[in-house]
C-alpha atoms as a PDB file:
ATOM      1  CA  UNK A   1     156.015 210.548  77.079  1.00  0.00           C
ATOM      2  CA  UNK A   2     153.646 208.157  75.512  1.00  0.00           C
ATOM      3  CA  UNK A   3     151.709 208.658  72.462  1.00  0.00           C
ATOM      4  CA  UNK A   4     148.402 207.142  71.897  1.00  0.00           C
ATOM      5  CA  UNK A   5     145.568 207.243  69.343  1.00  0.00           C
ATOM      6  CA  UNK A   6     143.245 208.290  72.191  1.00  0.00           C
ATOM      7  CA  UNK A   7     143.137 208.659  75.894  1.00  0.00           C
ATOM      8  CA  UNK A   8     142.927 205.418  77.473  1.00  0.00           C
ATOM      9  CA  UNK A   9     145.044 202.713  79.309  1.00  0.00           C
ATOM     10  CA  UNK A  10     145.965 201.223  75.947  1.00  0.00           C
ATOM     11  CA  UNK A  11     149.573 200.564  75.052  1.00  0.00           C
ATOM     12  CA  UNK A  12     151.225 203.610  73.418  1.00  0.00           C
ATOM     13  CA  UNK A  13     151.753 203.622  69.682  1.00  0.00           C
ATOM     14  CA  UNK A  14     155.294 204.975  70.282  1.00  0.00           C
ATOM     15  CA  UNK A  15     156.967 206.289  73.392  1.00  0.00           C
ATOM     16  CA  UNK A  16     160.280 207.890  74.516  1.00  0.00           C
ATOM     17  CA  UNK A  17     162.299 208.025  77.525  1.00  0.00           C
ATOM     18  CA  UNK A  18     165.015 210.694  77.566  1.00  0.00           C
ATOM     19  CA  UNK A  19     167.581 211.706  80.285  1.00  0.00           C
ATOM     20  CA  UNK A  20     170.235 214.331  79.585  1.00  0.00           C
ATOM     21  CA  UNK A  21     173.241 215.659  81.391  1.00  0.00           C
ATOM     22  CA  UNK A  22     173.580 219.403  80.535  1.00  0.00           C
ATOM     23  CA  UNK A  23     176.267 221.361  82.077  1.00  0.00           C
ATOM     24  CA  UNK A  24     177.690 224.511  81.003  1.00  0.00           C
ATOM     25  CA  UNK A  25     175.223 224.846  77.954  1.00  0.00           C
ATOM     26  CA  UNK A  26     176.403 221.711  76.308  1.00  0.00           C
ATOM     27  CA  UNK A  27     174.994 218.185  76.516  1.00  0.00           C
ATOM     28  CA  UNK A  28     177.509 215.987  78.506  1.00  0.00           C
ATOM     29  CA  UNK A  29     175.514 212.695  78.557  1.00  0.00           C
ATOM     30  CA  UNK A  30     172.511 211.463  76.948  1.00  0.00           C
ATOM     31  CA  UNK A  31     170.044 208.371  77.394  1.00  0.00           C
ATOM     32  CA  UNK A  32     167.380 208.028  74.944  1.00  0.00           C
ATOM     33  CA  UNK A  33     165.061 204.808  74.440  1.00  0.00           C
ATOM     34  CA  UNK A  34     161.766 204.313  72.462  1.00  0.00           C
ATOM     35  CA  UNK A  35     158.909 201.879  73.038  1.00  0.00           C
ATOM     36  CA  UNK A  36     156.124 200.657  71.092  1.00  0.00           C
ATOM     37  CA  UNK A  37     158.422 199.665  68.175  1.00  0.00           C
ATOM     38  CA  UNK A  38     159.442 196.241  69.253  1.00  0.00           C
ATOM     39  CA  UNK A  39     158.863 193.609  72.165  1.00  0.00           C
ATOM     40  CA  UNK A  40     161.288 195.722  74.575  1.00  0.00           C
ATOM     41  CA  UNK A  41     162.121 199.275  75.013  1.00  0.00           C
ATOM     42  CA  UNK A  42     164.912 199.949  72.214  1.00  0.00           C
ATOM     43  CA  UNK A  43     167.773 202.303  73.203  1.00  0.00           C
ATOM     44  CA  UNK A  44     168.968 204.747  70.495  1.00  0.00           C
ATOM     45  CA  UNK A  45     172.864 204.952  70.826  1.00  0.00           C
ATOM     46  CA  UNK A  46     173.190 207.103  67.616  1.00  0.00           C
ATOM     47  CA  UNK A  47     170.606 209.559  68.688  1.00  0.00           C
ATOM     48  CA  UNK A  48     172.659 209.786  72.106  1.00  0.00           C
ATOM     49  CA  UNK A  49     176.033 210.101  70.187  1.00  0.00           C
ATOM     50  CA  UNK A  50     174.420 213.051  67.942  1.00  0.00           C
ATOM     51  CA  UNK A  51     173.501 214.779  71.204  1.00  0.00           C
ATOM     52  CA  UNK A  52     176.721 214.707  73.309  1.00  0.00           C
ATOM     53  CA  UNK A  53     178.898 217.751  72.927  1.00  0.00           C
ATOM     54  CA  UNK A  54     176.197 219.788  71.418  1.00  0.00           C
ATOM     55  CA  UNK A  55     174.255 222.927  72.482  1.00  0.00           C
ATOM     56  CA  UNK A  56     170.920 222.225  73.586  1.00  0.00           C
ATOM     57  CA  UNK A  57     168.167 223.654  71.188  1.00  0.00           C
ATOM     58  CA  UNK A  58     165.710 223.006  68.578  1.00  0.00           C
ATOM     59  CA  UNK A  59     168.460 222.300  65.880  1.00  0.00           C
ATOM     60  CA  UNK A  60     170.109 219.953  67.914  1.00  0.00           C
ATOM     61  CA  UNK A  61     167.120 217.991  69.117  1.00  0.00           C
ATOM     62  CA  UNK A  62     165.739 217.816  65.486  1.00  0.00           C
ATOM     63  CA  UNK A  63     169.081 216.448  64.175  1.00  0.00           C
ATOM     64  CA  UNK A  64     169.369 214.024  66.619  1.00  0.00           C
ATOM     65  CA  UNK A  65     165.674 212.771  66.421  1.00  0.00           C
ATOM     66  CA  UNK A  66     166.231 212.431  62.794  1.00  0.00           C
ATOM     67  CA  UNK A  67     168.376 209.352  63.752  1.00  0.00           C
ATOM     68  CA  UNK A  68     165.704 207.643  65.823  1.00  0.00           C
ATOM     69  CA  UNK A  69     164.361 205.346  63.146  1.00  0.00           C
ATOM     70  CA  UNK A  70     167.602 205.146  61.044  1.00  0.00           C
ATOM     71  CA  UNK A  71     167.816 201.409  59.729  1.00  0.00           C
ATOM     72  CA  UNK A  72     164.227 200.682  60.488  1.00  0.00           C
ATOM     73  CA  UNK A  73     162.631 198.127  58.330  1.00  0.00           C
ATOM     74  CA  UNK A  74     158.903 198.652  58.773  1.00  0.00           C
ATOM     75  CA  UNK A  75     156.136 196.323  57.514  1.00  0.00           C
ATOM     76  CA  UNK A  76     153.043 198.012  55.617  1.00  0.00           C
ATOM     77  CA  UNK A  77     151.059 198.075  58.764  1.00  0.00           C
ATOM     78  CA  UNK A  78     153.677 199.904  60.947  1.00  0.00           C
ATOM     79  CA  UNK A  79     155.457 202.190  58.342  1.00  0.00           C
ATOM     80  CA  UNK A  80     153.910 205.166  59.952  1.00  0.00           C
ATOM     81  CA  UNK A  81     155.549 204.466  63.132  1.00  0.00           C
ATOM     82  CA  UNK A  82     158.968 205.599  61.477  1.00  0.00           C
ATOM     83  CA  UNK A  83     157.925 209.294  61.357  1.00  0.00           C
ATOM     84  CA  UNK A  84     155.999 208.874  64.735  1.00  0.00           C
ATOM     85  CA  UNK A  85     159.206 207.673  66.423  1.00  0.00           C
ATOM     86  CA  UNK A  86     161.030 210.517  65.272  1.00  0.00           C
ATOM     87  CA  UNK A  87     158.459 213.146  66.372  1.00  0.00           C
ATOM     88  CA  UNK A  88     158.100 211.434  69.598  1.00  0.00           C
ATOM     89  CA  UNK A  89     161.731 211.597  70.326  1.00  0.00           C
ATOM     90  CA  UNK A  90     162.043 215.131  69.183  1.00  0.00           C
ATOM     91  CA  UNK A  91     159.198 216.220  71.385  1.00  0.00           C
ATOM     92  CA  UNK A  92     160.562 214.552  74.210  1.00  0.00           C
ATOM     93  CA  UNK A  93     164.050 216.225  73.642  1.00  0.00           C
ATOM     94  CA  UNK A  94     162.357 219.713  73.512  1.00  0.00           C
ATOM     95  CA  UNK A  95     160.364 218.871  76.744  1.00  0.00           C
ATOM     96  CA  UNK A  96     163.335 217.791  78.706  1.00  0.00           C
ATOM     97  CA  UNK A  97     166.186 219.887  77.207  1.00  0.00           C
ATOM     98  CA  UNK A  98     163.895 222.921  76.658  1.00  0.00           C
ATOM     99  CA  UNK A  99     163.679 224.669  73.088  1.00  0.00           C
END
């Protein structure tokens, strides 16, 4: 999922790639990475850890996504991306894993 300020071929302001292994009503494995926040895509192990062993759903997605920008040190011109990354990860988790 890419989030842009308008429909074009420009670089995304933020993007999220999510892969979930859900079996038996529980997240067994997760891979989550974001783009648009560094020079290369950035994997989010804390988000992945927060997902594994949990039941899929809005509460799980929201709690895990809240960790997406943990430790970020934004500059004045890109501070808006902290919230944008969190929202993008949550939205993609909901898209892939269901609400």
